[in-house]
Amino acid sequence: MAADFLAQKGYQILGKNLRTPHGEIDILASINQILVFVEVKTRTSHEFGDPENSITSRKLNHMDASAQFITQQMDFTGTWQWDAISILK
């Protein structure tokens, strides 16, 4: 669902569920020569808060290490960023 949303917005989907030694990247995409690492959080209710609230500092550290690992593997020296998509079903 998140990848379809990004594709409709003009993003090129480069990969999904990419495993690294530091964790998993949910979606790797690009737009306007920017590499975008996307964390997808899904919940069925607000009982435990908004989905994006589950992105802890520990998770952010793993996400950053994973992004650095992938950019090194790709020999990518351009601009990259993290985005998050929250889905409430």
PDB file of N, CA and C in Angstrom:
ATOM      1  N   MET A   1       0.819  -1.180   0.000  1.00  0.00           N
ATOM      2  CA  MET A   1       0.000   0.000   0.000  1.00  0.00           C
ATOM      3  C   MET A   1       0.878   1.266   0.000  1.00  0.00           C
ATOM      4  N   ALA A   2       1.909   1.264   0.832  1.00  0.00           N
ATOM      5  CA  ALA A   2       2.799   2.423   0.910  1.00  0.00           C
ATOM      6  C   ALA A   2       3.582   2.607  -0.388  1.00  0.00           C
ATOM      7  N   ALA A   3       4.057   1.500  -0.963  1.00  0.00           N
ATOM      8  CA  ALA A   3       4.813   1.588  -2.219  1.00  0.00           C
ATOM      9  C   ALA A   3       3.927   2.099  -3.344  1.00  0.00           C
ATOM     10  N   ASP A   4       2.685   1.662  -3.382  1.00  0.00           N
ATOM     11  CA  ASP A   4       1.749   2.152  -4.402  1.00  0.00           C
ATOM     12  C   ASP A   4       1.516   3.651  -4.242  1.00  0.00           C
ATOM     13  N   PHE A   5       1.368   4.096  -3.001  1.00  0.00           N
ATOM     14  CA  PHE A   5       1.178   5.515  -2.720  1.00  0.00           C
ATOM     15  C   PHE A   5       2.366   6.329  -3.233  1.00  0.00           C
ATOM     16  N   LEU A   6       3.570   5.853  -2.924  1.00  0.00           N
ATOM     17  CA  LEU A   6       4.777   6.564  -3.368  1.00  0.00           C
ATOM     18  C   LEU A   6       4.872   6.587  -4.890  1.00  0.00           C
ATOM     19  N   ALA A   7       4.590   5.454  -5.522  1.00  0.00           N
ATOM     20  CA  ALA A   7       4.654   5.381  -6.990  1.00  0.00           C
ATOM     21  C   ALA A   7       3.671   6.370  -7.627  1.00  0.00           C
ATOM     22  N   GLN A   8       2.487   6.495  -7.047  1.00  0.00           N
ATOM     23  CA  GLN A   8       1.495   7.446  -7.561  1.00  0.00           C
ATOM     24  C   GLN A   8       1.970   8.883  -7.415  1.00  0.00           C
ATOM     25  N   LYS A   9       2.835   9.130  -6.439  1.00  0.00           N
ATOM     26  CA  LYS A   9       3.377  10.474  -6.218  1.00  0.00           C
ATOM     27  C   LYS A   9       4.630  10.736  -7.057  1.00  0.00           C
ATOM     28  N   GLY A  10       5.042   9.773  -7.871  1.00  0.00           N
ATOM     29  CA  GLY A  10       6.178   9.978  -8.760  1.00  0.00           C
ATOM     30  C   GLY A  10       7.486   9.367  -8.308  1.00  0.00           C
ATOM     31  N   TYR A  11       7.477   8.653  -7.189  1.00  0.00           N
ATOM     32  CA  TYR A  11       8.686   7.986  -6.713  1.00  0.00           C
ATOM     33  C   TYR A  11       8.951   6.731  -7.533  1.00  0.00           C
ATOM     34  N   GLN A  12      10.211   6.438  -7.749  1.00  0.00           N
ATOM     35  CA  GLN A  12      10.600   5.177  -8.373  1.00  0.00           C
ATOM     36  C   GLN A  12      10.938   4.218  -7.228  1.00  0.00           C
ATOM     37  N   ILE A  13      10.273   3.096  -7.178  1.00  0.00           N
ATOM     38  CA  ILE A  13      10.512   2.110  -6.125  1.00  0.00           C
ATOM     39  C   ILE A  13      11.708   1.260  -6.539  1.00  0.00           C
ATOM     40  N   LEU A  14      12.764   1.290  -5.732  1.00  0.00           N
ATOM     41  CA  LEU A  14      14.000   0.569  -6.036  1.00  0.00           C
ATOM     42  C   LEU A  14      14.077  -0.770  -5.306  1.00  0.00           C
ATOM     43  N   GLY A  15      13.359  -0.890  -4.217  1.00  0.00           N
ATOM     44  CA  GLY A  15      13.384  -2.147  -3.472  1.00  0.00           C
ATOM     45  C   GLY A  15      12.458  -2.099  -2.278  1.00  0.00           C
ATOM     46  N   LYS A  16      12.099  -3.284  -1.794  1.00  0.00           N
ATOM     47  CA  LYS A  16      11.249  -3.409  -0.610  1.00  0.00           C
ATOM     48  C   LYS A  16      11.845  -4.462   0.309  1.00  0.00           C
ATOM     49  N   ASN A  17      11.675  -4.252   1.596  1.00  0.00           N
ATOM     50  CA  ASN A  17      12.122  -5.207   2.613  1.00  0.00           C
ATOM     51  C   ASN A  17      13.583  -5.613   2.421  1.00  0.00           C
ATOM     52  N   LEU A  18      14.440  -4.606   2.313  1.00  0.00           N
ATOM     53  CA  LEU A  18      15.862  -4.844   2.108  1.00  0.00           C
ATOM     54  C   LEU A  18      16.544  -5.110   3.443  1.00  0.00           C
ATOM     55  N   ARG A  19      17.185  -6.244   3.551  1.00  0.00           N
ATOM     56  CA  ARG A  19      17.853  -6.621   4.801  1.00  0.00           C
ATOM     57  C   ARG A  19      19.303  -6.155   4.776  1.00  0.00           C
ATOM     58  N   THR A  20      19.735  -5.618   5.909  1.00  0.00           N
ATOM     59  CA  THR A  20      21.127  -5.217   6.092  1.00  0.00           C
ATOM     60  C   THR A  20      21.597  -5.825   7.416  1.00  0.00           C
ATOM     61  N   PRO A  21      22.881  -5.767   7.710  1.00  0.00           N
ATOM     62  CA  PRO A  21      23.353  -6.258   9.007  1.00  0.00           C
ATOM     63  C   PRO A  21      22.781  -5.457  10.192  1.00  0.00           C
ATOM     64  N   HIS A  22      22.192  -4.294   9.910  1.00  0.00           N
ATOM     65  CA  HIS A  22      21.714  -3.400  10.964  1.00  0.00           C
ATOM     66  C   HIS A  22      20.197  -3.373  11.092  1.00  0.00           C
ATOM     67  N   GLY A  23      19.511  -4.034  10.192  1.00  0.00           N
ATOM     68  CA  GLY A  23      18.054  -4.028  10.206  1.00  0.00           C
ATOM     69  C   GLY A  23      17.509  -4.040   8.798  1.00  0.00           C
ATOM     70  N   GLU A  24      16.217  -3.795   8.695  1.00  0.00           N
ATOM     71  CA  GLU A  24      15.542  -3.862   7.406  1.00  0.00           C
ATOM     72  C   GLU A  24      15.072  -2.483   6.971  1.00  0.00           C
ATOM     73  N   ILE A  25      15.181  -2.226   5.685  1.00  0.00           N
ATOM     74  CA  ILE A  25      14.629  -1.022   5.070  1.00  0.00           C
ATOM     75  C   ILE A  25      13.309  -1.448   4.440  1.00  0.00           C
ATOM     76  N   ASP A  26      12.219  -0.811   4.849  1.00  0.00           N
ATOM     77  CA  ASP A  26      10.913  -1.204   4.316  1.00  0.00           C
ATOM     78  C   ASP A  26      10.803  -0.903   2.826  1.00  0.00           C
ATOM     79  N   ILE A  27      11.136   0.325   2.443  1.00  0.00           N
ATOM     80  CA  ILE A  27      11.070   0.715   1.027  1.00  0.00           C
ATOM     81  C   ILE A  27      12.273   1.592   0.712  1.00  0.00           C
ATOM     82  N   LEU A  28      12.903   1.315  -0.408  1.00  0.00           N
ATOM     83  CA  LEU A  28      13.947   2.176  -0.946  1.00  0.00           C
ATOM     84  C   LEU A  28      13.395   2.755  -2.242  1.00  0.00           C
ATOM     85  N   ALA A  29      13.377   4.066  -2.323  1.00  0.00           N
ATOM     86  CA  ALA A  29      12.812   4.745  -3.488  1.00  0.00           C
ATOM     87  C   ALA A  29      13.706   5.906  -3.883  1.00  0.00           C
ATOM     88  N   SER A  30      13.382   6.505  -5.023  1.00  0.00           N
ATOM     89  CA  SER A  30      14.095   7.721  -5.420  1.00  0.00           C
ATOM     90  C   SER A  30      13.116   8.671  -6.089  1.00  0.00           C
ATOM     91  N   ILE A  31      13.426   9.939  -5.940  1.00  0.00           N
ATOM     92  CA  ILE A  31      12.672  10.992  -6.609  1.00  0.00           C
ATOM     93  C   ILE A  31      13.594  12.201  -6.731  1.00  0.00           C
ATOM     94  N   ASN A  32      13.610  12.798  -7.885  1.00  0.00           N
ATOM     95  CA  ASN A  32      14.433  14.001  -8.126  1.00  0.00           C
ATOM     96  C   ASN A  32      15.887  13.796  -7.713  1.00  0.00           C
ATOM     97  N   GLN A  33      16.441  12.644  -8.032  1.00  0.00           N
ATOM     98  CA  GLN A  33      17.836  12.283  -7.750  1.00  0.00           C
ATOM     99  C   GLN A  33      18.141  12.188  -6.257  1.00  0.00           C
ATOM    100  N   ILE A  34      17.097  12.061  -5.439  1.00  0.00           N
ATOM    101  CA  ILE A  34      17.260  11.861  -3.997  1.00  0.00           C
ATOM    102  C   ILE A  34      16.895  10.423  -3.672  1.00  0.00           C
ATOM    103  N   LEU A  35      17.758   9.759  -2.943  1.00  0.00           N
ATOM    104  CA  LEU A  35      17.494   8.404  -2.487  1.00  0.00           C
ATOM    105  C   LEU A  35      16.673   8.508  -1.202  1.00  0.00           C
ATOM    106  N   VAL A  36      15.554   7.798  -1.154  1.00  0.00           N
ATOM    107  CA  VAL A  36      14.634   7.918  -0.029  1.00  0.00           C
ATOM    108  C   VAL A  36      14.461   6.562   0.648  1.00  0.00           C
ATOM    109  N   PHE A  37      14.793   6.517   1.926  1.00  0.00           N
ATOM    110  CA  PHE A  37      14.594   5.328   2.744  1.00  0.00           C
ATOM    111  C   PHE A  37      13.286   5.536   3.499  1.00  0.00           C
ATOM    112  N   VAL A  38      12.369   4.596   3.340  1.00  0.00           N
ATOM    113  CA  VAL A  38      11.034   4.779   3.907  1.00  0.00           C
ATOM    114  C   VAL A  38      10.752   3.713   4.965  1.00  0.00           C
ATOM    115  N   GLU A  39      10.387   4.168   6.141  1.00  0.00           N
ATOM    116  CA  GLU A  39       9.947   3.305   7.227  1.00  0.00           C
ATOM    117  C   GLU A  39       8.421   3.314   7.209  1.00  0.00           C
ATOM    118  N   VAL A  40       7.813   2.139   7.184  1.00  0.00           N
ATOM    119  CA  VAL A  40       6.357   2.028   7.142  1.00  0.00           C
ATOM    120  C   VAL A  40       5.875   1.475   8.476  1.00  0.00           C
ATOM    121  N   LYS A  41       4.954   2.177   9.090  1.00  0.00           N
ATOM    122  CA  LYS A  41       4.369   1.744  10.350  1.00  0.00           C
ATOM    123  C   LYS A  41       2.864   1.610  10.166  1.00  0.00           C
ATOM    124  N   THR A  42       2.332   0.459  10.557  1.00  0.00           N
ATOM    125  CA  THR A  42       0.920   0.174  10.384  1.00  0.00           C
ATOM    126  C   THR A  42       0.295  -0.184  11.728  1.00  0.00           C
ATOM    127  N   ARG A  43      -0.892   0.310  11.957  1.00  0.00           N
ATOM    128  CA  ARG A  43      -1.654  -0.009  13.155  1.00  0.00           C
ATOM    129  C   ARG A  43      -3.116  -0.219  12.766  1.00  0.00           C
ATOM    130  N   THR A  44      -3.829  -0.935  13.620  1.00  0.00           N
ATOM    131  CA  THR A  44      -5.259  -1.141  13.368  1.00  0.00           C
ATOM    132  C   THR A  44      -6.116  -0.213  14.219  1.00  0.00           C
ATOM    133  N   SER A  45      -5.489   0.482  15.187  1.00  0.00           N
ATOM    134  CA  SER A  45      -6.219   1.447  16.004  1.00  0.00           C
ATOM    135  C   SER A  45      -5.225   2.441  16.604  1.00  0.00           C
ATOM    136  N   HIS A  46      -5.767   3.443  17.250  1.00  0.00           N
ATOM    137  CA  HIS A  46      -4.933   4.436  17.949  1.00  0.00           C
ATOM    138  C   HIS A  46      -4.702   4.044  19.404  1.00  0.00           C
ATOM    139  N   GLU A  47      -5.086   2.820  19.774  1.00  0.00           N
ATOM    140  CA  GLU A  47      -4.995   2.376  21.162  1.00  0.00           C
ATOM    141  C   GLU A  47      -3.611   2.607  21.763  1.00  0.00           C
ATOM    142  N   PHE A  48      -2.559   2.380  20.969  1.00  0.00           N
ATOM    143  CA  PHE A  48      -1.189   2.551  21.459  1.00  0.00           C
ATOM    144  C   PHE A  48      -0.531   3.788  20.835  1.00  0.00           C
ATOM    145  N   GLY A  49      -1.342   4.725  20.371  1.00  0.00           N
ATOM    146  CA  GLY A  49      -0.822   5.950  19.786  1.00  0.00           C
ATOM    147  C   GLY A  49      -0.741   5.858  18.273  1.00  0.00           C
ATOM    148  N   ASP A  50      -0.276   6.927  17.673  1.00  0.00           N
ATOM    149  CA  ASP A  50      -0.124   6.967  16.223  1.00  0.00           C
ATOM    150  C   ASP A  50       0.986   6.014  15.800  1.00  0.00           C
ATOM    151  N   PRO A  51       0.879   5.424  14.621  1.00  0.00           N
ATOM    152  CA  PRO A  51       1.888   4.454  14.180  1.00  0.00           C
ATOM    153  C   PRO A  51       3.315   4.984  14.222  1.00  0.00           C
ATOM    154  N   GLU A  52       3.512   6.229  13.805  1.00  0.00           N
ATOM    155  CA  GLU A  52       4.872   6.782  13.740  1.00  0.00           C
ATOM    156  C   GLU A  52       5.500   6.968  15.127  1.00  0.00           C
ATOM    157  N   ASN A  53       4.679   6.969  16.165  1.00  0.00           N
ATOM    158  CA  ASN A  53       5.225   7.111  17.519  1.00  0.00           C
ATOM    159  C   ASN A  53       6.028   5.899  17.956  1.00  0.00           C
ATOM    160  N   SER A  54       5.923   4.803  17.215  1.00  0.00           N
ATOM    161  CA  SER A  54       6.685   3.603  17.569  1.00  0.00           C
ATOM    162  C   SER A  54       8.112   3.639  17.011  1.00  0.00           C
ATOM    163  N   ILE A  55       8.477   4.716  16.338  1.00  0.00           N
ATOM    164  CA  ILE A  55       9.849   4.862  15.849  1.00  0.00           C
ATOM    165  C   ILE A  55      10.684   5.465  16.980  1.00  0.00           C
ATOM    166  N   THR A  56      11.374   4.609  17.700  1.00  0.00           N
ATOM    167  CA  THR A  56      12.165   5.016  18.860  1.00  0.00           C
ATOM    168  C   THR A  56      13.553   5.487  18.443  1.00  0.00           C
ATOM    169  N   SER A  57      14.284   6.045  19.375  1.00  0.00           N
ATOM    170  CA  SER A  57      15.657   6.466  19.074  1.00  0.00           C
ATOM    171  C   SER A  57      16.512   5.244  18.704  1.00  0.00           C
ATOM    172  N   ARG A  58      16.271   4.118  19.342  1.00  0.00           N
ATOM    173  CA  ARG A  58      17.006   2.894  18.985  1.00  0.00           C
ATOM    174  C   ARG A  58      16.708   2.497  17.544  1.00  0.00           C
ATOM    175  N   LYS A  59      15.420   2.573  17.157  1.00  0.00           N
ATOM    176  CA  LYS A  59      15.038   2.252  15.782  1.00  0.00           C
ATOM    177  C   LYS A  59      15.681   3.241  14.817  1.00  0.00           C
ATOM    178  N   LEU A  60      15.707   4.514  15.169  1.00  0.00           N
ATOM    179  CA  LEU A  60      16.339   5.525  14.314  1.00  0.00           C
ATOM    180  C   LEU A  60      17.816   5.222  14.094  1.00  0.00           C
ATOM    181  N   ASN A  61      18.502   4.782  15.133  1.00  0.00           N
ATOM    182  CA  ASN A  61      19.919   4.420  14.992  1.00  0.00           C
ATOM    183  C   ASN A  61      20.099   3.248  14.041  1.00  0.00           C
ATOM    184  N   HIS A  62      19.226   2.242  14.148  1.00  0.00           N
ATOM    185  CA  HIS A  62      19.295   1.099  13.239  1.00  0.00           C
ATOM    186  C   HIS A  62      18.968   1.522  11.806  1.00  0.00           C
ATOM    187  N   MET A  63      17.985   2.408  11.658  1.00  0.00           N
ATOM    188  CA  MET A  63      17.615   2.890  10.328  1.00  0.00           C
ATOM    189  C   MET A  63      18.776   3.642   9.696  1.00  0.00           C
ATOM    190  N   ASP A  64      19.419   4.489  10.472  1.00  0.00           N
ATOM    191  CA  ASP A  64      20.544   5.276   9.955  1.00  0.00           C
ATOM    192  C   ASP A  64      21.706   4.367   9.555  1.00  0.00           C
ATOM    193  N   ALA A  65      22.026   3.389  10.397  1.00  0.00           N
ATOM    194  CA  ALA A  65      23.114   2.451  10.077  1.00  0.00           C
ATOM    195  C   ALA A  65      22.771   1.646   8.829  1.00  0.00           C
ATOM    196  N   SER A  66      21.513   1.261   8.674  1.00  0.00           N
ATOM    197  CA  SER A  66      21.090   0.516   7.486  1.00  0.00           C
ATOM    198  C   SER A  66      21.217   1.373   6.234  1.00  0.00           C
ATOM    199  N   ALA A  67      20.812   2.632   6.333  1.00  0.00           N
ATOM    200  CA  ALA A  67      20.911   3.544   5.192  1.00  0.00           C
ATOM    201  C   ALA A  67      22.364   3.758   4.801  1.00  0.00           C
ATOM    202  N   GLN A  68      23.219   3.944   5.780  1.00  0.00           N
ATOM    203  CA  GLN A  68      24.636   4.128   5.481  1.00  0.00           C
ATOM    204  C   GLN A  68      25.223   2.870   4.836  1.00  0.00           C
ATOM    205  N   PHE A  69      24.824   1.705   5.305  1.00  0.00           N
ATOM    206  CA  PHE A  69      25.290   0.450   4.724  1.00  0.00           C
ATOM    207  C   PHE A  69      24.889   0.366   3.243  1.00  0.00           C
ATOM    208  N   ILE A  70      23.629   0.667   2.957  1.00  0.00           N
ATOM    209  CA  ILE A  70      23.145   0.568   1.575  1.00  0.00           C
ATOM    210  C   ILE A  70      23.801   1.604   0.678  1.00  0.00           C
ATOM    211  N   THR A  71      23.954   2.833   1.148  1.00  0.00           N
ATOM    212  CA  THR A  71      24.595   3.847   0.302  1.00  0.00           C
ATOM    213  C   THR A  71      26.047   3.479   0.021  1.00  0.00           C
ATOM    214  N   GLN A  72      26.717   2.862   0.985  1.00  0.00           N
ATOM    215  CA  GLN A  72      28.092   2.408   0.749  1.00  0.00           C
ATOM    216  C   GLN A  72      28.114   1.263  -0.258  1.00  0.00           C
ATOM    217  N   GLN A  73      27.179   0.331  -0.135  1.00  0.00           N
ATOM    218  CA  GLN A  73      27.115  -0.790  -1.066  1.00  0.00           C
ATOM    219  C   GLN A  73      26.836  -0.310  -2.494  1.00  0.00           C
ATOM    220  N   MET A  74      26.020   0.744  -2.611  1.00  0.00           N
ATOM    221  CA  MET A  74      25.665   1.293  -3.924  1.00  0.00           C
ATOM    222  C   MET A  74      26.710   2.277  -4.431  1.00  0.00           C
ATOM    223  N   ASP A  75      27.680   2.621  -3.580  1.00  0.00           N
ATOM    224  CA  ASP A  75      28.643   3.672  -3.884  1.00  0.00           C
ATOM    225  C   ASP A  75      27.911   4.972  -4.222  1.00  0.00           C
ATOM    226  N   PHE A  76      26.853   5.253  -3.455  1.00  0.00           N
ATOM    227  CA  PHE A  76      26.009   6.424  -3.660  1.00  0.00           C
ATOM    228  C   PHE A  76      26.549   7.585  -2.837  1.00  0.00           C
ATOM    229  N   THR A  77      26.832   8.691  -3.482  1.00  0.00           N
ATOM    230  CA  THR A  77      27.392   9.851  -2.786  1.00  0.00           C
ATOM    231  C   THR A  77      26.463  11.067  -2.848  1.00  0.00           C
ATOM    232  N   GLY A  78      25.266  10.862  -3.363  1.00  0.00           N
ATOM    233  CA  GLY A  78      24.328  11.977  -3.486  1.00  0.00           C
ATOM    234  C   GLY A  78      23.530  12.212  -2.217  1.00  0.00           C
ATOM    235  N   THR A  79      22.429  12.884  -2.382  1.00  0.00           N
ATOM    236  CA  THR A  79      21.549  13.230  -1.269  1.00  0.00           C
ATOM    237  C   THR A  79      20.603  12.079  -0.968  1.00  0.00           C
ATOM    238  N   TRP A  80      20.446  11.805   0.330  1.00  0.00           N
ATOM    239  CA  TRP A  80      19.458  10.807   0.728  1.00  0.00           C
ATOM    240  C   TRP A  80      18.719  11.300   1.966  1.00  0.00           C
ATOM    241  N   GLN A  81      17.550  10.710   2.202  1.00  0.00           N
ATOM    242  CA  GLN A  81      16.741  11.124   3.328  1.00  0.00           C
ATOM    243  C   GLN A  81      15.912   9.957   3.843  1.00  0.00           C
ATOM    244  N   TRP A  82      15.394  10.130   5.060  1.00  0.00           N
ATOM    245  CA  TRP A  82      14.465   9.194   5.668  1.00  0.00           C
ATOM    246  C   TRP A  82      13.079   9.782   5.609  1.00  0.00           C
ATOM    247  N   ASP A  83      12.097   8.954   5.264  1.00  0.00           N
ATOM    248  CA  ASP A  83      10.692   9.333   5.365  1.00  0.00           C
ATOM    249  C   ASP A  83       9.984   8.225   6.124  1.00  0.00           C
ATOM    250  N   ALA A  84       8.856   8.537   6.689  1.00  0.00           N
ATOM    251  CA  ALA A  84       8.028   7.541   7.351  1.00  0.00           C
ATOM    252  C   ALA A  84       6.614   7.648   6.802  1.00  0.00           C
ATOM    253  N   ILE A  85       5.995   6.507   6.639  1.00  0.00           N
ATOM    254  CA  ILE A  85       4.591   6.454   6.217  1.00  0.00           C
ATOM    255  C   ILE A  85       3.822   5.717   7.310  1.00  0.00           C
ATOM    256  N   SER A  86       2.783   6.348   7.791  1.00  0.00           N
ATOM    257  CA  SER A  86       1.913   5.732   8.798  1.00  0.00           C
ATOM    258  C   SER A  86       0.614   5.289   8.137  1.00  0.00           C
ATOM    259  N   ILE A  87       0.231   4.060   8.435  1.00  0.00           N
ATOM    260  CA  ILE A  87      -1.005   3.517   7.884  1.00  0.00           C
ATOM    261  C   ILE A  87      -1.878   3.073   9.042  1.00  0.00           C
ATOM    262  N   LEU A  88      -3.094   3.578   9.082  1.00  0.00           N
ATOM    263  CA  LEU A  88      -4.064   3.171  10.080  1.00  0.00           C
ATOM    264  C   LEU A  88      -5.165   2.407   9.352  1.00  0.00           C
ATOM    265  N   LYS A  89      -5.230   1.111   9.621  1.00  0.00           N
ATOM    266  CA  LYS A  89      -6.220   0.276   8.914  1.00  0.00           C
ATOM    267  C   LYS A  89      -7.532   0.245   9.656  1.00  0.00           C
TER     268      LYS A  89
END
